[in-house]
Amino acid sequence: MHSGRLVLRVTDDGRTRTDPAPGGSGGFGLVGMAGAVDALGGHLEAGPAAEGGWRVQASLPLGRPSARSS
């Protein structure tokens, strides 16, 4: 946790799978994650990791969501 926020980071090593994921994608990927994180008042970053592979990081506020102005 960082100053009232929950930070979740997922990385991989960049090695390619030789077998397809069971059941295909079945999801909305980064677009769906970005929408969900935004709806919770958070921030999503995704891109190549410095060490190779890929990194996705979400930062979410802790506590009750506040009313958001539009």
PDB file of N, CA and C in Angstrom:
ATOM      1  N   MET A   1       0.841  -1.184   0.000  1.00  0.00           N
ATOM      2  CA  MET A   1       0.000   0.000   0.000  1.00  0.00           C
ATOM      3  C   MET A   1       0.883   1.243   0.000  1.00  0.00           C
ATOM      4  N   HIS A   2       0.428   2.251  -0.696  1.00  0.00           N
ATOM      5  CA  HIS A   2       1.148   3.513  -0.788  1.00  0.00           C
ATOM      6  C   HIS A   2       0.194   4.642  -0.462  1.00  0.00           C
ATOM      7  N   SER A   3       0.375   5.276   0.674  1.00  0.00           N
ATOM      8  CA  SER A   3      -0.400   6.456   1.089  1.00  0.00           C
ATOM      9  C   SER A   3      -1.885   6.367   0.730  1.00  0.00           C
ATOM     10  N   GLY A   4      -2.576   5.420   1.340  1.00  0.00           N
ATOM     11  CA  GLY A   4      -4.011   5.293   1.145  1.00  0.00           C
ATOM     12  C   GLY A   4      -4.432   4.658  -0.162  1.00  0.00           C
ATOM     13  N   ARG A   5      -3.504   3.986  -0.827  1.00  0.00           N
ATOM     14  CA  ARG A   5      -3.809   3.345  -2.106  1.00  0.00           C
ATOM     15  C   ARG A   5      -3.330   1.905  -2.085  1.00  0.00           C
ATOM     16  N   LEU A   6      -4.027   1.080  -2.801  1.00  0.00           N
ATOM     17  CA  LEU A   6      -3.607  -0.298  -3.034  1.00  0.00           C
ATOM     18  C   LEU A   6      -2.972  -0.351  -4.414  1.00  0.00           C
ATOM     19  N   VAL A   7      -1.738  -0.858  -4.494  1.00  0.00           N
ATOM     20  CA  VAL A   7      -1.044  -0.961  -5.778  1.00  0.00           C
ATOM     21  C   VAL A   7      -0.870  -2.432  -6.094  1.00  0.00           C
ATOM     22  N   LEU A   8      -1.357  -2.831  -7.253  1.00  0.00           N
ATOM     23  CA  LEU A   8      -1.275  -4.209  -7.715  1.00  0.00           C
ATOM     24  C   LEU A   8      -0.452  -4.231  -8.989  1.00  0.00           C
ATOM     25  N   ARG A   9       0.616  -5.040  -9.006  1.00  0.00           N
ATOM     26  CA  ARG A   9       1.501  -5.109 -10.168  1.00  0.00           C
ATOM     27  C   ARG A   9       1.610  -6.568 -10.618  1.00  0.00           C
ATOM     28  N   VAL A  10       1.428  -6.796 -11.910  1.00  0.00           N
ATOM     29  CA  VAL A  10       1.558  -8.127 -12.496  1.00  0.00           C
ATOM     30  C   VAL A  10       2.581  -8.038 -13.615  1.00  0.00           C
ATOM     31  N   THR A  11       3.551  -8.950 -13.610  1.00  0.00           N
ATOM     32  CA  THR A  11       4.571  -8.968 -14.647  1.00  0.00           C
ATOM     33  C   THR A  11       4.728 -10.373 -15.196  1.00  0.00           C
ATOM     34  N   ASP A  12       5.293 -10.455 -16.382  1.00  0.00           N
ATOM     35  CA  ASP A  12       5.685 -11.749 -16.922  1.00  0.00           C
ATOM     36  C   ASP A  12       7.094 -11.628 -17.478  1.00  0.00           C
ATOM     37  N   ASP A  13       7.671 -12.751 -17.855  1.00  0.00           N
ATOM     38  CA  ASP A  13       9.059 -12.757 -18.314  1.00  0.00           C
ATOM     39  C   ASP A  13       9.196 -12.593 -19.823  1.00  0.00           C
ATOM     40  N   GLY A  14       8.087 -12.506 -20.534  1.00  0.00           N
ATOM     41  CA  GLY A  14       8.139 -12.278 -21.964  1.00  0.00           C
ATOM     42  C   GLY A  14       8.292 -13.524 -22.818  1.00  0.00           C
ATOM     43  N   ARG A  15       8.397 -14.676 -22.173  1.00  0.00           N
ATOM     44  CA  ARG A  15       8.514 -15.908 -22.967  1.00  0.00           C
ATOM     45  C   ARG A  15       7.159 -16.261 -23.563  1.00  0.00           C
ATOM     46  N   THR A  16       7.165 -16.697 -24.789  1.00  0.00           N
ATOM     47  CA  THR A  16       5.940 -17.037 -25.509  1.00  0.00           C
ATOM     48  C   THR A  16       5.460 -18.422 -25.122  1.00  0.00           C
ATOM     49  N   ARG A  17       4.146 -18.532 -24.933  1.00  0.00           N
ATOM     50  CA  ARG A  17       3.543 -19.850 -24.689  1.00  0.00           C
ATOM     51  C   ARG A  17       3.445 -20.589 -26.007  1.00  0.00           C
ATOM     52  N   THR A  18       3.647 -21.879 -25.963  1.00  0.00           N
ATOM     53  CA  THR A  18       3.513 -22.679 -27.181  1.00  0.00           C
ATOM     54  C   THR A  18       2.115 -23.266 -27.306  1.00  0.00           C
ATOM     55  N   ASP A  19       1.385 -23.331 -26.211  1.00  0.00           N
ATOM     56  CA  ASP A  19       0.017 -23.858 -26.261  1.00  0.00           C
ATOM     57  C   ASP A  19      -0.961 -22.710 -26.022  1.00  0.00           C
ATOM     58  N   PRO A  20      -2.099 -22.709 -26.710  1.00  0.00           N
ATOM     59  CA  PRO A  20      -3.067 -21.625 -26.524  1.00  0.00           C
ATOM     60  C   PRO A  20      -3.707 -21.695 -25.139  1.00  0.00           C
ATOM     61  N   ALA A  21      -4.125 -20.544 -24.647  1.00  0.00           N
ATOM     62  CA  ALA A  21      -4.823 -20.506 -23.361  1.00  0.00           C
ATOM     63  C   ALA A  21      -6.140 -21.257 -23.476  1.00  0.00           C
ATOM     64  N   PRO A  22      -6.509 -22.045 -22.465  1.00  0.00           N
ATOM     65  CA  PRO A  22      -7.767 -22.798 -22.535  1.00  0.00           C
ATOM     66  C   PRO A  22      -8.964 -21.859 -22.662  1.00  0.00           C
ATOM     67  N   GLY A  23      -9.824 -22.123 -23.615  1.00  0.00           N
ATOM     68  CA  GLY A  23     -11.038 -21.337 -23.789  1.00  0.00           C
ATOM     69  C   GLY A  23     -10.839 -19.997 -24.475  1.00  0.00           C
ATOM     70  N   GLY A  24      -9.660 -19.736 -24.990  1.00  0.00           N
ATOM     71  CA  GLY A  24      -9.414 -18.455 -25.652  1.00  0.00           C
ATOM     72  C   GLY A  24      -9.370 -17.323 -24.661  1.00  0.00           C
ATOM     73  N   SER A  25      -9.413 -16.113 -25.166  1.00  0.00           N
ATOM     74  CA  SER A  25      -9.314 -14.932 -24.307  1.00  0.00           C
ATOM     75  C   SER A  25     -10.539 -14.812 -23.402  1.00  0.00           C
ATOM     76  N   GLY A  26     -11.720 -14.732 -24.000  1.00  0.00           N
ATOM     77  CA  GLY A  26     -12.954 -14.668 -23.218  1.00  0.00           C
ATOM     78  C   GLY A  26     -13.129 -13.410 -22.389  1.00  0.00           C
ATOM     79  N   GLY A  27     -12.289 -12.414 -22.582  1.00  0.00           N
ATOM     80  CA  GLY A  27     -12.392 -11.210 -21.765  1.00  0.00           C
ATOM     81  C   GLY A  27     -12.222  -9.953 -22.583  1.00  0.00           C
ATOM     82  N   PHE A  28     -12.041  -8.855 -21.882  1.00  0.00           N
ATOM     83  CA  PHE A  28     -11.908  -7.554 -22.526  1.00  0.00           C
ATOM     84  C   PHE A  28     -10.491  -7.000 -22.413  1.00  0.00           C
ATOM     85  N   GLY A  29      -9.582  -7.758 -21.839  1.00  0.00           N
ATOM     86  CA  GLY A  29      -8.184  -7.374 -21.776  1.00  0.00           C
ATOM     87  C   GLY A  29      -7.933  -6.056 -21.088  1.00  0.00           C
ATOM     88  N   LEU A  30      -6.956  -5.319 -21.603  1.00  0.00           N
ATOM     89  CA  LEU A  30      -6.550  -4.069 -20.981  1.00  0.00           C
ATOM     90  C   LEU A  30      -7.646  -3.008 -21.034  1.00  0.00           C
ATOM     91  N   VAL A  31      -8.461  -3.030 -22.067  1.00  0.00           N
ATOM     92  CA  VAL A  31      -9.558  -2.053 -22.161  1.00  0.00           C
ATOM     93  C   VAL A  31     -10.539  -2.256 -21.009  1.00  0.00           C
ATOM     94  N   GLY A  32     -10.889  -3.504 -20.742  1.00  0.00           N
ATOM     95  CA  GLY A  32     -11.792  -3.807 -19.629  1.00  0.00           C
ATOM     96  C   GLY A  32     -11.175  -3.465 -18.282  1.00  0.00           C
ATOM     97  N   MET A  33      -9.885  -3.782 -18.118  1.00  0.00           N
ATOM     98  CA  MET A  33      -9.197  -3.458 -16.863  1.00  0.00           C
ATOM     99  C   MET A  33      -9.160  -1.955 -16.649  1.00  0.00           C
ATOM    100  N   ALA A  34      -8.838  -1.201 -17.707  1.00  0.00           N
ATOM    101  CA  ALA A  34      -8.758   0.256 -17.588  1.00  0.00           C
ATOM    102  C   ALA A  34     -10.113   0.848 -17.194  1.00  0.00           C
ATOM    103  N   GLY A  35     -11.181   0.342 -17.768  1.00  0.00           N
ATOM    104  CA  GLY A  35     -12.517   0.831 -17.429  1.00  0.00           C
ATOM    105  C   GLY A  35     -12.886   0.539 -15.989  1.00  0.00           C
ATOM    106  N   ALA A  36     -12.568  -0.664 -15.523  1.00  0.00           N
ATOM    107  CA  ALA A  36     -12.877  -1.036 -14.141  1.00  0.00           C
ATOM    108  C   ALA A  36     -12.059  -0.210 -13.150  1.00  0.00           C
ATOM    109  N   VAL A  37     -10.787  -0.035 -13.434  1.00  0.00           N
ATOM    110  CA  VAL A  37      -9.921   0.744 -12.551  1.00  0.00           C
ATOM    111  C   VAL A  37     -10.380   2.199 -12.521  1.00  0.00           C
ATOM    112  N   ASP A  38     -10.727   2.754 -13.673  1.00  0.00           N
ATOM    113  CA  ASP A  38     -11.212   4.136 -13.741  1.00  0.00           C
ATOM    114  C   ASP A  38     -12.509   4.295 -12.949  1.00  0.00           C
ATOM    115  N   ALA A  39     -13.412   3.326 -13.063  1.00  0.00           N
ATOM    116  CA  ALA A  39     -14.686   3.389 -12.342  1.00  0.00           C
ATOM    117  C   ALA A  39     -14.476   3.415 -10.828  1.00  0.00           C
ATOM    118  N   LEU A  40     -13.365   2.864 -10.370  1.00  0.00           N
ATOM    119  CA  LEU A  40     -13.047   2.846  -8.942  1.00  0.00           C
ATOM    120  C   LEU A  40     -12.175   4.028  -8.526  1.00  0.00           C
ATOM    121  N   GLY A  41     -11.923   4.948  -9.457  1.00  0.00           N
ATOM    122  CA  GLY A  41     -11.126   6.122  -9.147  1.00  0.00           C
ATOM    123  C   GLY A  41      -9.633   5.870  -9.147  1.00  0.00           C
ATOM    124  N   GLY A  42      -9.214   4.818  -9.851  1.00  0.00           N
ATOM    125  CA  GLY A  42      -7.807   4.455  -9.873  1.00  0.00           C
ATOM    126  C   GLY A  42      -7.108   4.810 -11.160  1.00  0.00           C
ATOM    127  N   HIS A  43      -5.903   4.259 -11.294  1.00  0.00           N
ATOM    128  CA  HIS A  43      -5.045   4.530 -12.450  1.00  0.00           C
ATOM    129  C   HIS A  43      -4.426   3.217 -12.907  1.00  0.00           C
ATOM    130  N   LEU A  44      -4.388   2.968 -14.213  1.00  0.00           N
ATOM    131  CA  LEU A  44      -3.814   1.740 -14.773  1.00  0.00           C
ATOM    132  C   LEU A  44      -2.680   2.103 -15.713  1.00  0.00           C
ATOM    133  N   GLU A  45      -1.565   1.396 -15.566  1.00  0.00           N
ATOM    134  CA  GLU A  45      -0.434   1.532 -16.483  1.00  0.00           C
ATOM    135  C   GLU A  45      -0.102   0.153 -17.018  1.00  0.00           C
ATOM    136  N   ALA A  46       0.231   0.074 -18.304  1.00  0.00           N
ATOM    137  CA  ALA A  46       0.628  -1.198 -18.913  1.00  0.00           C
ATOM    138  C   ALA A  46       1.664  -0.930 -19.985  1.00  0.00           C
ATOM    139  N   GLY A  47       2.627  -1.820 -20.088  1.00  0.00           N
ATOM    140  CA  GLY A  47       3.642  -1.671 -21.114  1.00  0.00           C
ATOM    141  C   GLY A  47       4.805  -2.602 -20.876  1.00  0.00           C
ATOM    142  N   PRO A  48       5.806  -2.502 -21.720  1.00  0.00           N
ATOM    143  CA  PRO A  48       6.976  -3.364 -21.577  1.00  0.00           C
ATOM    144  C   PRO A  48       7.692  -3.105 -20.247  1.00  0.00           C
ATOM    145  N   ALA A  49       8.130  -4.175 -19.608  1.00  0.00           N
ATOM    146  CA  ALA A  49       8.901  -4.053 -18.369  1.00  0.00           C
ATOM    147  C   ALA A  49      10.364  -3.784 -18.707  1.00  0.00           C
ATOM    148  N   ALA A  50      11.049  -3.054 -17.847  1.00  0.00           N
ATOM    149  CA  ALA A  50      12.454  -2.716 -18.081  1.00  0.00           C
ATOM    150  C   ALA A  50      13.316  -3.967 -18.225  1.00  0.00           C
ATOM    151  N   GLU A  51      12.959  -5.029 -17.506  1.00  0.00           N
ATOM    152  CA  GLU A  51      13.738  -6.269 -17.526  1.00  0.00           C
ATOM    153  C   GLU A  51      13.334  -7.196 -18.668  1.00  0.00           C
ATOM    154  N   GLY A  52      12.429  -6.755 -19.508  1.00  0.00           N
ATOM    155  CA  GLY A  52      11.858  -7.607 -20.551  1.00  0.00           C
ATOM    156  C   GLY A  52      10.500  -8.098 -20.093  1.00  0.00           C
ATOM    157  N   GLY A  53       9.725  -8.607 -21.003  1.00  0.00           N
ATOM    158  CA  GLY A  53       8.378  -9.044 -20.649  1.00  0.00           C
ATOM    159  C   GLY A  53       7.409  -7.873 -20.615  1.00  0.00           C
ATOM    160  N   TRP A  54       6.381  -8.011 -19.810  1.00  0.00           N
ATOM    161  CA  TRP A  54       5.285  -7.049 -19.785  1.00  0.00           C
ATOM    162  C   TRP A  54       4.905  -6.763 -18.347  1.00  0.00           C
ATOM    163  N   ARG A  55       4.414  -5.539 -18.082  1.00  0.00           N
ATOM    164  CA  ARG A  55       4.012  -5.138 -16.739  1.00  0.00           C
ATOM    165  C   ARG A  55       2.661  -4.433 -16.805  1.00  0.00           C
ATOM    166  N   VAL A  56       1.771  -4.795 -15.913  1.00  0.00           N
ATOM    167  CA  VAL A  56       0.489  -4.110 -15.747  1.00  0.00           C
ATOM    168  C   VAL A  56       0.408  -3.709 -14.285  1.00  0.00           C
ATOM    169  N   GLN A  57       0.115  -2.441 -14.018  1.00  0.00           N
ATOM    170  CA  GLN A  57       0.033  -1.959 -12.640  1.00  0.00           C
ATOM    171  C   GLN A  57      -1.232  -1.138 -12.459  1.00  0.00           C
ATOM    172  N   ALA A  58      -1.989  -1.463 -11.422  1.00  0.00           N
ATOM    173  CA  ALA A  58      -3.189  -0.708 -11.071  1.00  0.00           C
ATOM    174  C   ALA A  58      -2.980  -0.085  -9.701  1.00  0.00           C
ATOM    175  N   SER A  59      -3.378   1.159  -9.555  1.00  0.00           N
ATOM    176  CA  SER A  59      -3.337   1.864  -8.283  1.00  0.00           C
ATOM    177  C   SER A  59      -4.770   2.268  -7.961  1.00  0.00           C
ATOM    178  N   LEU A  60      -5.274   1.786  -6.820  1.00  0.00           N
ATOM    179  CA  LEU A  60      -6.666   2.011  -6.444  1.00  0.00           C
ATOM    180  C   LEU A  60      -6.741   2.692  -5.087  1.00  0.00           C
ATOM    181  N   PRO A  61      -7.659   3.651  -4.924  1.00  0.00           N
ATOM    182  CA  PRO A  61      -7.819   4.289  -3.619  1.00  0.00           C
ATOM    183  C   PRO A  61      -8.453   3.310  -2.634  1.00  0.00           C
ATOM    184  N   LEU A  62      -8.022   3.392  -1.383  1.00  0.00           N
ATOM    185  CA  LEU A  62      -8.624   2.579  -0.329  1.00  0.00           C
ATOM    186  C   LEU A  62      -9.785   3.332   0.278  1.00  0.00           C
ATOM    187  N   GLY A  63     -10.730   2.612   0.820  1.00  0.00           N
ATOM    188  CA  GLY A  63     -11.883   3.244   1.462  1.00  0.00           C
ATOM    189  C   GLY A  63     -13.049   3.365   0.508  1.00  0.00           C
ATOM    190  N   ARG A  64     -14.046   4.057   0.968  1.00  0.00           N
ATOM    191  CA  ARG A  64     -15.256   4.242   0.152  1.00  0.00           C
ATOM    192  C   ARG A  64     -14.986   5.185  -1.003  1.00  0.00           C
ATOM    193  N   PRO A  65     -15.550   4.865  -2.183  1.00  0.00           N
ATOM    194  CA  PRO A  65     -15.380   5.783  -3.314  1.00  0.00           C
ATOM    195  C   PRO A  65     -16.091   7.099  -3.037  1.00  0.00           C
ATOM    196  N   SER A  66     -15.470   8.197  -3.421  1.00  0.00           N
ATOM    197  CA  SER A  66     -16.095   9.506  -3.260  1.00  0.00           C
ATOM    198  C   SER A  66     -16.873   9.835  -4.531  1.00  0.00           C
ATOM    199  N   ALA A  67     -17.806  10.764  -4.409  1.00  0.00           N
ATOM    200  CA  ALA A  67     -18.572  11.180  -5.581  1.00  0.00           C
ATOM    201  C   ALA A  67     -17.617  11.851  -6.560  1.00  0.00           C
ATOM    202  N   ARG A  68     -17.684  11.426  -7.803  1.00  0.00           N
ATOM    203  CA  ARG A  68     -16.788  11.972  -8.832  1.00  0.00           C
ATOM    204  C   ARG A  68     -17.520  13.034  -9.614  1.00  0.00           C
ATOM    205  N   SER A  69     -16.866  14.146  -9.847  1.00  0.00           N
ATOM    206  CA  SER A  69     -17.477  15.194 -10.664  1.00  0.00           C
ATOM    207  C   SER A  69     -17.249  14.883 -12.129  1.00  0.00           C
ATOM    208  N   SER A  70     -18.201  15.288 -12.972  1.00  0.00           N
ATOM    209  CA  SER A  70     -18.049  15.020 -14.417  1.00  0.00           C
ATOM    210  C   SER A  70     -17.685  16.243 -15.184  1.00  0.00           C
TER     211      SER A  70
END
